Amino acid sequence: MFRRYWSAQTVSYFGDEISTLALPLLAVLITDAGPAQMGYLTAAALAPNLLFSLVAGAWADRLHHKRRLMILSDLGRALLLATVPAAYLLDLLTLPQLYAVAFAMGTLAVLFEVARGPLFVSLVDRPDYVDANTLINGSRAMALVAGPSIGGVLVQLVTAPIALVVDAVSYLVSAYFLGRIRPTEPAPARGRGLGIAAGLRFIARTPMMRAIVLGTTTVNLFNFMFAALFVLYATRDLHLSPGLLGAVLGGGAVGGLLGAAVTGRLTRRFGIGPILIAGFVLFPAPLLLVPLAGGPTPMVLGMLFAAEFLCAIGVMMLDIVTGSVQTALTPESMLARATGVRRTINYGIRPIGALLGGALGAALGVREALWIATVGALAGVLWVLFSPVRRLRDLPEPADG
C-alpha cells in the first residue's frame, strides 16, 4: 500500500512544479500583471497556511477517514485548475480568477497536508519512517530537478493555460492511487482538549519537538531573507544571465537526490541526532559561498553551483530526519493538530523573512543582507544542539499527548 501512497505523492510533486511555473506566467502574459499583482498572487497561495492550518489540523484529528479528505482535496484541486484553461479558451480569464484559484488551491493543500501524517503512520512501521521519508523526499528532489524543465517545455509547446491541464491530471492520478489503498487509519481523537490549544501545548511542552520547531523556524526566517535577495544579487551584482542562473539552480538541485539517497544510511551509521544536527548546519552553511562569490564568471558559477549543490544535500537530510522524528514523537491522535501548528509557524515565518530581507537589502546593501541571512540561519542549530535531540540514536517513542 505504501507504494501506491508514494506514487500518489510523486505524481503530485511533478504536477506542482508545472503549476509553480505556469500560473505566474499566466498572470504576466495573459492578464498583464505587474510586480504588485504578482505579490498578491503569491500571498493568495500562502495565506491559507496562516489562516487555516490550526483549524484544519484540529478538525482532521476528529475524522476517522483522513484518506478520504486527501482524495477530496486532490479532486478539488484538479477541478480548480481545469477552470483556468476553460476560462482562457472562452476569453474570460482574469487576474481575480487567478487569485481565487491560488487561494482555494492553497486551502485544499492545507487540508491534504494535515491529513497526510496520520495516513503515513498507518502505512509505515515505526522503524521504517526514515526510509519511507527518504523515498518521498527523493521524489520531491527529482521533481525539483526535472519539474521546471518539463514545465518550461510544456509552456513553450502548448501554452501556460493548457500546461495546467497536465497538473490537473496529476491530481486525478494522485486521487486514483490513494483510492486504491485501504489502510487501518488511526482512530479519531475523542474527549476534551481536542482544540487548537492542545496542539500548541503539546509542541511547547515536548522538549525535542519544541527544539526542532524553533530550529526550523529560525532557519526558515533567515533562509527566506536570503531567497528574497538571491536572484537580484546574482543578476545585478554578479552579472549572471537568467539562462546561466537557471542552469546553476537546476544543476545544484541534483544535490537533493544525493541527500535523499544517503540520509538513511547515515542515520543507521551515526544515529538520528547527529545527522539531524548535521542537516541544520549543511543546509545554510554552503550559502556563505554566495556573498563570497566573485572574480571571473566560471569561478562565480562554480561557487554558486557548490552552494546550491551542498545546500540541497543539507535540506534533504534535514527534511527527512526532522519529519521522521516529529512523526515518531507525536501520538497518533494528535498528528493532524501538530502538523497544523508546525505548518502555521513554519509557513507563517516565511513572508516575514522575505520582508525583512528586502528591508535589510535596501538599508544595508544586498551583499551585507545576504551575510546576515546566512549567518542567522546557521544559528538555528543552537536550538537542537542544546536539547535532548543530539543524544538520539534511534527514533523516539511518542511523547505524552
Protein backbone atom coordinates (compact mmCIF):
# COMPACT_ATOMS: atom_id res chain seq x y z
CA MET A 1 0.00 0.00 0.00
CA PHE A 2 2.88 2.36 0.68
CA ARG A 3 3.99 2.11 -2.96
CA ARG A 4 0.63 3.50 -4.07
CA TYR A 5 0.85 6.29 -1.50
CA TRP A 6 4.39 7.06 -2.67
CA SER A 7 3.25 7.01 -6.31
CA ALA A 8 0.49 9.48 -5.49
CA GLN A 9 2.99 11.83 -3.87
CA THR A 10 5.47 11.53 -6.75
CA VAL A 11 2.94 12.35 -9.45
CA SER A 12 1.61 15.27 -7.43
CA TYR A 13 5.11 16.73 -6.87
CA PHE A 14 5.80 16.82 -10.60
CA GLY A 15 2.44 18.41 -11.30
CA ASP A 16 3.06 21.07 -8.66
CA GLU A 17 6.29 22.13 -10.38
CA ILE A 18 4.35 22.73 -13.59
CA SER A 19 1.84 24.97 -11.82
CA THR A 20 4.62 26.81 -10.00
CA LEU A 21 5.87 27.99 -13.39
CA ALA A 22 2.65 28.14 -15.41
CA LEU A 23 0.40 30.09 -13.03
CA PRO A 24 2.73 33.11 -12.62
CA LEU A 25 3.42 33.08 -16.37
CA LEU A 26 -0.32 33.22 -16.98
CA ALA A 27 -0.60 36.23 -14.71
CA VAL A 28 2.19 38.04 -16.55
CA LEU A 29 1.48 37.06 -20.15
CA ILE A 30 -2.31 36.87 -20.22
CA THR A 31 -3.51 39.34 -17.58
CA ASP A 32 -0.52 41.73 -17.81
CA ALA A 33 0.14 41.57 -14.04
CA GLY A 34 2.77 43.90 -12.55
CA PRO A 35 5.04 43.46 -9.52
CA ALA A 36 2.30 44.29 -7.01
CA GLN A 37 -0.13 41.86 -8.62
CA MET A 38 2.50 39.10 -8.60
CA GLY A 39 2.96 39.71 -4.89
CA TYR A 40 -0.78 39.42 -4.36
CA LEU A 41 -0.83 36.14 -6.30
CA THR A 42 1.95 34.70 -4.14
CA ALA A 43 0.22 35.93 -0.98
CA ALA A 44 -3.08 34.38 -2.07
CA ALA A 45 -1.41 30.98 -2.37
CA LEU A 46 0.37 31.25 1.01
CA ALA A 47 -2.39 32.88 3.08
CA PRO A 48 -4.36 29.65 3.76
CA ASN A 49 -1.37 28.24 5.63
CA LEU A 50 -1.65 31.08 8.12
CA LEU A 51 -5.44 31.24 8.20
CA PHE A 52 -6.49 27.60 8.25
CA SER A 53 -3.67 25.24 9.29
CA LEU A 54 -4.50 25.28 13.02
CA VAL A 55 -8.24 24.87 12.49
CA ALA A 56 -7.78 22.23 9.78
CA GLY A 57 -5.48 20.18 12.00
CA ALA A 58 -7.90 20.24 14.93
CA TRP A 59 -10.78 19.27 12.64
CA ALA A 60 -8.91 16.50 10.81
CA ASP A 61 -7.95 14.78 14.06
CA ARG A 62 -11.68 14.27 14.73
CA LEU A 63 -12.20 12.48 11.40
CA HIS A 64 -11.86 8.73 11.01
CA HIS A 65 -11.12 8.70 7.27
CA LYS A 66 -8.24 11.10 6.66
CA ARG A 67 -7.56 9.37 3.34
CA ARG A 68 -10.94 10.49 2.02
CA LEU A 69 -10.11 14.08 2.93
CA MET A 70 -6.90 13.78 0.90
CA ILE A 71 -8.76 12.34 -2.08
CA LEU A 72 -11.36 15.11 -1.97
CA SER A 73 -8.56 17.68 -1.78
CA ASP A 74 -6.93 16.18 -4.87
CA LEU A 75 -10.20 16.14 -6.81
CA GLY A 76 -10.96 19.72 -5.77
CA ARG A 77 -7.56 20.95 -6.92
CA ALA A 78 -7.95 19.20 -10.27
CA LEU A 79 -11.31 20.91 -10.77
CA LEU A 80 -9.94 24.31 -9.78
CA LEU A 81 -7.03 24.07 -12.20
CA ALA A 82 -9.35 22.97 -15.01
CA THR A 83 -11.28 26.25 -14.68
CA VAL A 84 -8.22 28.23 -15.77
CA PRO A 85 -7.71 26.81 -19.28
CA ALA A 86 -11.51 26.73 -19.71
CA ALA A 87 -11.73 30.46 -18.95
CA TYR A 88 -8.74 31.12 -21.20
CA LEU A 89 -10.30 29.30 -24.15
CA LEU A 90 -13.52 31.28 -23.63
CA ASP A 91 -11.52 34.53 -23.39
CA LEU A 92 -12.83 35.06 -19.83
CA LEU A 93 -9.62 34.65 -17.83
CA THR A 94 -9.00 37.47 -15.33
CA LEU A 95 -6.50 38.19 -12.60
CA PRO A 96 -9.13 37.95 -9.82
CA GLN A 97 -9.87 34.41 -11.01
CA LEU A 98 -6.19 33.52 -10.66
CA TYR A 99 -6.19 34.99 -7.15
CA ALA A 100 -9.24 32.90 -6.26
CA VAL A 101 -7.77 29.72 -7.75
CA ALA A 102 -4.46 30.25 -5.93
CA PHE A 103 -6.24 30.83 -2.60
CA ALA A 104 -8.56 27.84 -2.99
CA MET A 105 -5.66 25.61 -4.10
CA GLY A 106 -3.71 26.69 -1.03
CA THR A 107 -6.68 25.91 1.22
CA LEU A 108 -7.09 22.40 -0.20
CA ALA A 109 -3.32 21.86 0.11
CA VAL A 110 -3.60 22.63 3.83
CA LEU A 111 -6.34 20.01 4.25
CA PHE A 112 -4.27 17.49 2.30
CA GLU A 113 -1.12 18.08 4.34
CA VAL A 114 -2.70 17.91 7.80
CA ALA A 115 -4.30 14.58 6.86
CA ARG A 116 -1.12 13.16 5.33
CA GLY A 117 0.69 12.49 8.63
CA PRO A 118 -1.99 10.20 10.11
CA LEU A 119 -2.21 8.26 6.84
CA PHE A 120 1.59 7.91 6.74
CA VAL A 121 1.75 6.24 10.17
CA SER A 122 -1.00 3.82 9.16
CA LEU A 123 1.05 2.68 6.16
CA VAL A 124 4.61 2.67 7.53
CA ASP A 125 6.04 0.81 10.52
CA ARG A 126 7.91 2.99 13.00
CA PRO A 127 11.39 1.53 12.23
CA ASP A 128 10.84 2.38 8.54
CA TYR A 129 9.95 6.07 8.97
CA VAL A 130 13.36 7.32 7.80
CA ASP A 131 13.46 5.02 4.77
CA ALA A 132 9.91 5.93 3.78
CA ASN A 133 10.59 9.65 4.16
CA THR A 134 13.75 9.15 2.11
CA LEU A 135 11.70 7.78 -0.80
CA ILE A 136 9.14 10.58 -0.57
CA ASN A 137 11.74 13.33 -0.34
CA GLY A 138 13.72 11.68 -3.13
CA SER A 139 10.66 12.07 -5.34
CA ARG A 140 10.41 15.71 -4.29
CA ALA A 141 14.07 16.25 -5.16
CA MET A 142 13.61 14.63 -8.57
CA ALA A 143 10.60 16.87 -9.20
CA LEU A 144 12.64 19.94 -8.28
CA VAL A 145 15.33 18.89 -10.78
CA ALA A 146 13.16 17.79 -13.70
CA GLY A 147 9.85 19.54 -12.98
CA PRO A 148 10.79 23.08 -14.08
CA SER A 149 12.29 21.75 -17.31
CA ILE A 150 9.16 19.74 -18.08
CA GLY A 151 7.00 22.73 -17.19
CA GLY A 152 9.06 25.03 -19.39
CA VAL A 153 8.80 22.69 -22.37
CA LEU A 154 5.04 22.30 -21.89
CA VAL A 155 4.51 26.05 -21.62
CA GLN A 156 6.61 26.56 -24.74
CA LEU A 157 4.79 23.88 -26.75
CA VAL A 158 1.17 24.13 -25.64
CA THR A 159 0.97 27.49 -23.74
CA ALA A 160 0.67 28.02 -20.00
CA PRO A 161 -3.12 27.51 -19.70
CA ILE A 162 -3.02 24.14 -21.40
CA ALA A 163 0.04 23.12 -19.37
CA LEU A 164 -2.12 23.45 -16.27
CA VAL A 165 -4.26 20.60 -17.60
CA VAL A 166 -1.28 18.31 -17.00
CA ASP A 167 -1.17 19.36 -13.35
CA ALA A 168 -4.93 18.81 -13.06
CA VAL A 169 -4.45 15.28 -14.41
CA SER A 170 -1.66 14.70 -11.87
CA TYR A 171 -4.11 15.37 -9.04
CA LEU A 172 -6.55 12.89 -10.57
CA VAL A 173 -3.78 10.27 -10.73
CA SER A 174 -2.88 11.01 -7.10
CA ALA A 175 -6.52 10.57 -6.08
CA TYR A 176 -6.65 7.27 -8.01
CA PHE A 177 -3.62 5.84 -6.17
CA LEU A 178 -4.94 7.00 -2.80
CA GLY A 179 -8.27 5.38 -3.63
CA ARG A 180 -6.51 2.05 -4.20
CA ILE A 181 -5.23 1.74 -0.64
CA ARG A 182 -7.26 0.50 2.32
CA PRO A 183 -5.22 1.21 5.46
CA THR A 184 -6.38 0.88 9.03
CA GLU A 185 -6.35 4.56 9.89
CA PRO A 186 -5.77 5.91 13.42
CA ALA A 187 -8.92 6.25 15.45
CA PRO A 188 -10.32 9.79 15.62
CA ALA A 189 -9.48 11.79 18.72
CA ARG A 190 -12.17 11.79 21.39
CA GLY A 191 -12.76 13.59 24.66
CA ARG A 192 -11.87 17.03 25.94
CA GLY A 193 -8.90 19.16 24.92
CA LEU A 194 -9.17 18.49 21.20
CA GLY A 195 -8.93 22.09 20.05
CA ILE A 196 -6.17 24.20 18.61
CA ALA A 197 -4.63 24.95 22.02
CA ALA A 198 -3.94 21.23 22.59
CA GLY A 199 -1.60 21.10 19.58
CA LEU A 200 0.22 24.24 20.72
CA ARG A 201 0.59 22.90 24.27
CA PHE A 202 1.91 19.57 23.02
CA ILE A 203 4.71 21.19 21.00
CA ALA A 204 5.54 23.71 23.73
CA ARG A 205 5.75 21.03 26.45
CA THR A 206 7.71 18.41 24.46
CA PRO A 207 11.42 19.37 24.64
CA MET A 208 12.58 17.62 21.46
CA MET A 209 9.60 18.82 19.43
CA ARG A 210 9.98 22.36 20.76
CA ALA A 211 13.68 22.44 19.87
CA ILE A 212 13.10 21.18 16.33
CA VAL A 213 10.25 23.62 15.66
CA LEU A 214 12.26 26.58 16.99
CA GLY A 215 15.29 25.48 14.99
CA THR A 216 13.45 25.05 11.70
CA THR A 217 11.58 28.32 12.24
CA THR A 218 14.88 30.14 12.69
CA VAL A 219 16.27 28.56 9.53
CA ASN A 220 13.11 29.43 7.58
CA LEU A 221 13.15 33.05 8.72
CA PHE A 222 16.71 33.70 7.57
CA ASN A 223 16.52 31.42 4.53
CA PHE A 224 13.61 33.43 3.14
CA MET A 225 15.54 36.63 3.84
CA PHE A 226 18.22 35.10 1.63
CA ALA A 227 15.76 33.89 -1.03
CA ALA A 228 14.21 37.35 -1.38
CA LEU A 229 17.58 38.79 -2.43
CA PHE A 230 19.40 35.93 -4.18
CA VAL A 231 18.11 36.40 -7.73
CA LEU A 232 18.62 40.17 -7.52
CA TYR A 233 22.20 39.72 -6.28
CA ALA A 234 23.06 37.04 -8.85
CA THR A 235 21.77 39.06 -11.81
CA ARG A 236 22.67 42.63 -10.79
CA ASP A 237 25.85 42.24 -8.74
CA LEU A 238 27.28 39.03 -10.21
CA HIS A 239 26.01 39.82 -13.74
CA LEU A 240 24.64 36.35 -14.50
CA SER A 241 22.13 35.91 -17.30
CA PRO A 242 18.80 34.21 -16.49
CA GLY A 243 19.89 31.19 -18.54
CA LEU A 244 23.11 30.70 -16.59
CA LEU A 245 21.36 31.23 -13.29
CA GLY A 246 18.69 28.67 -14.20
CA ALA A 247 21.37 26.16 -15.17
CA VAL A 248 23.14 26.64 -11.83
CA LEU A 249 19.93 26.22 -9.85
CA GLY A 250 18.84 23.15 -11.82
CA GLY A 251 22.25 21.53 -11.55
CA GLY A 252 22.53 22.31 -7.88
CA ALA A 253 19.18 20.68 -7.21
CA VAL A 254 20.79 17.35 -8.13
CA GLY A 255 22.31 17.53 -4.66
CA GLY A 256 18.84 16.88 -3.32
CA LEU A 257 18.83 13.47 -4.99
CA LEU A 258 22.17 12.64 -3.38
CA GLY A 259 20.95 13.86 0.00
CA ALA A 260 17.84 11.69 -0.22
CA ALA A 261 19.94 8.68 -1.24
CA VAL A 262 22.46 8.85 1.63
CA THR A 263 20.38 10.05 4.59
CA GLY A 264 19.04 6.64 5.56
CA ARG A 265 22.49 5.08 5.53
CA LEU A 266 23.97 7.93 7.52
CA THR A 267 21.31 7.73 10.24
CA ARG A 268 21.88 3.99 10.63
CA ARG A 269 25.63 4.52 10.98
CA PHE A 270 25.84 7.68 13.07
CA GLY A 271 22.40 7.93 14.68
CA ILE A 272 19.35 10.15 14.22
CA GLY A 273 20.52 13.05 16.42
CA PRO A 274 23.95 13.67 14.85
CA ILE A 275 22.55 13.60 11.31
CA LEU A 276 19.72 15.95 12.27
CA ILE A 277 22.28 18.40 13.65
CA ALA A 278 24.39 17.96 10.53
CA GLY A 279 21.38 18.87 8.40
CA PHE A 280 20.85 22.07 10.39
CA VAL A 281 24.45 23.04 9.54
CA LEU A 282 24.79 21.73 5.99
CA PHE A 283 21.57 23.35 4.79
CA PRO A 284 22.57 27.01 5.38
CA ALA A 285 26.38 26.86 5.65
CA PRO A 286 27.16 26.43 1.90
CA LEU A 287 25.18 29.59 1.14
CA LEU A 288 28.07 31.56 2.63
CA LEU A 289 29.70 30.99 -0.77
CA VAL A 290 27.12 33.29 -2.40
CA PRO A 291 28.17 36.63 -0.82
CA LEU A 292 31.78 35.40 -1.14
CA ALA A 293 31.43 34.79 -4.90
CA GLY A 294 33.47 36.99 -7.19
CA GLY A 295 36.07 37.04 -9.94
CA PRO A 296 35.75 35.56 -13.45
CA THR A 297 32.37 34.18 -14.48
CA PRO A 298 33.48 30.50 -14.35
CA MET A 299 34.62 30.97 -10.75
CA VAL A 300 31.34 32.67 -9.82
CA LEU A 301 29.36 29.86 -11.45
CA GLY A 302 31.43 27.24 -9.64
CA MET A 303 30.88 28.86 -6.25
CA LEU A 304 27.15 29.24 -6.80
CA PHE A 305 26.84 25.67 -8.04
CA ALA A 306 28.73 24.37 -4.98
CA ALA A 307 26.48 26.44 -2.71
CA GLU A 308 23.27 25.14 -4.30
CA PHE A 309 24.50 21.54 -4.55
CA LEU A 310 25.63 21.24 -0.92
CA CYS A 311 22.61 23.20 0.33
CA ALA A 312 20.28 20.76 -1.48
CA ILE A 313 22.01 17.83 0.24
CA GLY A 314 21.57 19.53 3.60
CA VAL A 315 17.91 20.39 3.15
CA MET A 316 17.08 16.79 2.21
CA MET A 317 18.89 15.47 5.29
CA LEU A 318 17.09 18.00 7.46
CA ASP A 319 13.63 17.36 5.99
CA ILE A 320 13.88 13.58 6.11
CA VAL A 321 15.17 13.33 9.68
CA THR A 322 13.07 16.10 11.24
CA GLY A 323 9.95 14.74 9.53
CA SER A 324 10.65 11.25 10.86
CA VAL A 325 11.42 12.42 14.41
CA GLN A 326 8.36 14.68 14.59
CA THR A 327 6.10 11.90 13.32
CA ALA A 328 7.56 9.42 15.81
CA LEU A 329 7.20 11.86 18.72
CA THR A 330 3.56 12.71 18.04
CA PRO A 331 0.74 10.46 19.34
CA GLU A 332 -1.47 9.26 16.51
CA SER A 333 -4.47 11.09 17.94
CA MET A 334 -2.62 14.44 17.64
CA LEU A 335 -0.84 14.10 14.30
CA ALA A 336 -3.11 16.44 12.33
CA ARG A 337 -3.16 19.10 15.05
CA ALA A 338 0.62 19.02 15.47
CA THR A 339 1.05 19.28 11.69
CA GLY A 340 -1.30 22.25 11.61
CA VAL A 341 0.66 24.06 14.31
CA ARG A 342 4.03 23.37 12.69
CA ARG A 343 2.73 24.41 9.27
CA THR A 344 1.34 27.66 10.64
CA ILE A 345 4.61 28.55 12.34
CA ASN A 346 6.97 27.48 9.56
CA TYR A 347 4.94 28.90 6.69
CA GLY A 348 3.95 31.98 8.64
CA ILE A 349 7.56 33.00 9.22
CA ARG A 350 8.46 32.84 5.51
CA PRO A 351 6.80 36.04 4.26
CA ILE A 352 8.16 37.82 7.35
CA GLY A 353 11.65 36.68 6.38
CA ALA A 354 11.17 37.88 2.81
CA LEU A 355 10.02 41.32 4.02
CA LEU A 356 12.97 41.58 6.43
CA GLY A 357 15.36 40.58 3.67
CA GLY A 358 14.03 43.29 1.39
CA ALA A 359 14.22 45.90 4.15
CA LEU A 360 17.79 44.95 5.12
CA GLY A 361 18.86 44.86 1.49
CA ALA A 362 17.54 48.39 0.97
CA ALA A 363 19.04 49.71 4.20
CA LEU A 364 22.44 47.97 4.30
CA GLY A 365 23.03 46.66 0.80
CA VAL A 366 22.18 43.33 -0.79
CA ARG A 367 25.53 41.63 -0.14
CA GLU A 368 25.54 42.69 3.51
CA ALA A 369 21.97 41.42 3.97
CA LEU A 370 22.98 38.06 2.46
CA TRP A 371 25.75 37.74 5.06
CA ILE A 372 23.26 38.41 7.86
CA ALA A 373 20.80 35.90 6.41
CA THR A 374 23.33 33.06 6.06
CA VAL A 375 24.91 33.56 9.49
CA GLY A 376 21.47 33.92 11.08
CA ALA A 377 20.26 30.66 9.51
CA LEU A 378 23.23 28.84 11.00
CA ALA A 379 22.03 29.92 14.45
CA GLY A 380 19.07 27.54 14.05
CA VAL A 381 21.30 24.62 15.01
CA LEU A 382 21.74 26.05 18.53
CA TRP A 383 18.15 25.14 19.44
CA VAL A 384 18.80 21.42 18.84
CA LEU A 385 22.46 21.36 19.84
CA PHE A 386 21.50 22.06 23.46
CA SER A 387 18.44 19.77 23.55
CA PRO A 388 17.80 16.04 24.02
CA VAL A 389 17.74 15.70 20.21
CA ARG A 390 21.54 15.46 19.98
CA ARG A 391 21.53 12.23 22.02
CA LEU A 392 19.05 10.42 19.78
CA ARG A 393 20.37 7.22 18.29
CA ASP A 394 17.05 5.82 17.06
CA LEU A 395 13.59 7.30 16.58
CA PRO A 396 11.97 8.38 19.88
CA GLU A 397 8.83 6.91 21.38
CA PRO A 398 5.66 9.03 21.24
CA ALA A 399 5.57 11.81 23.82
CA ASP A 400 2.67 12.21 26.24
CA GLY A 401 -0.10 13.98 24.32
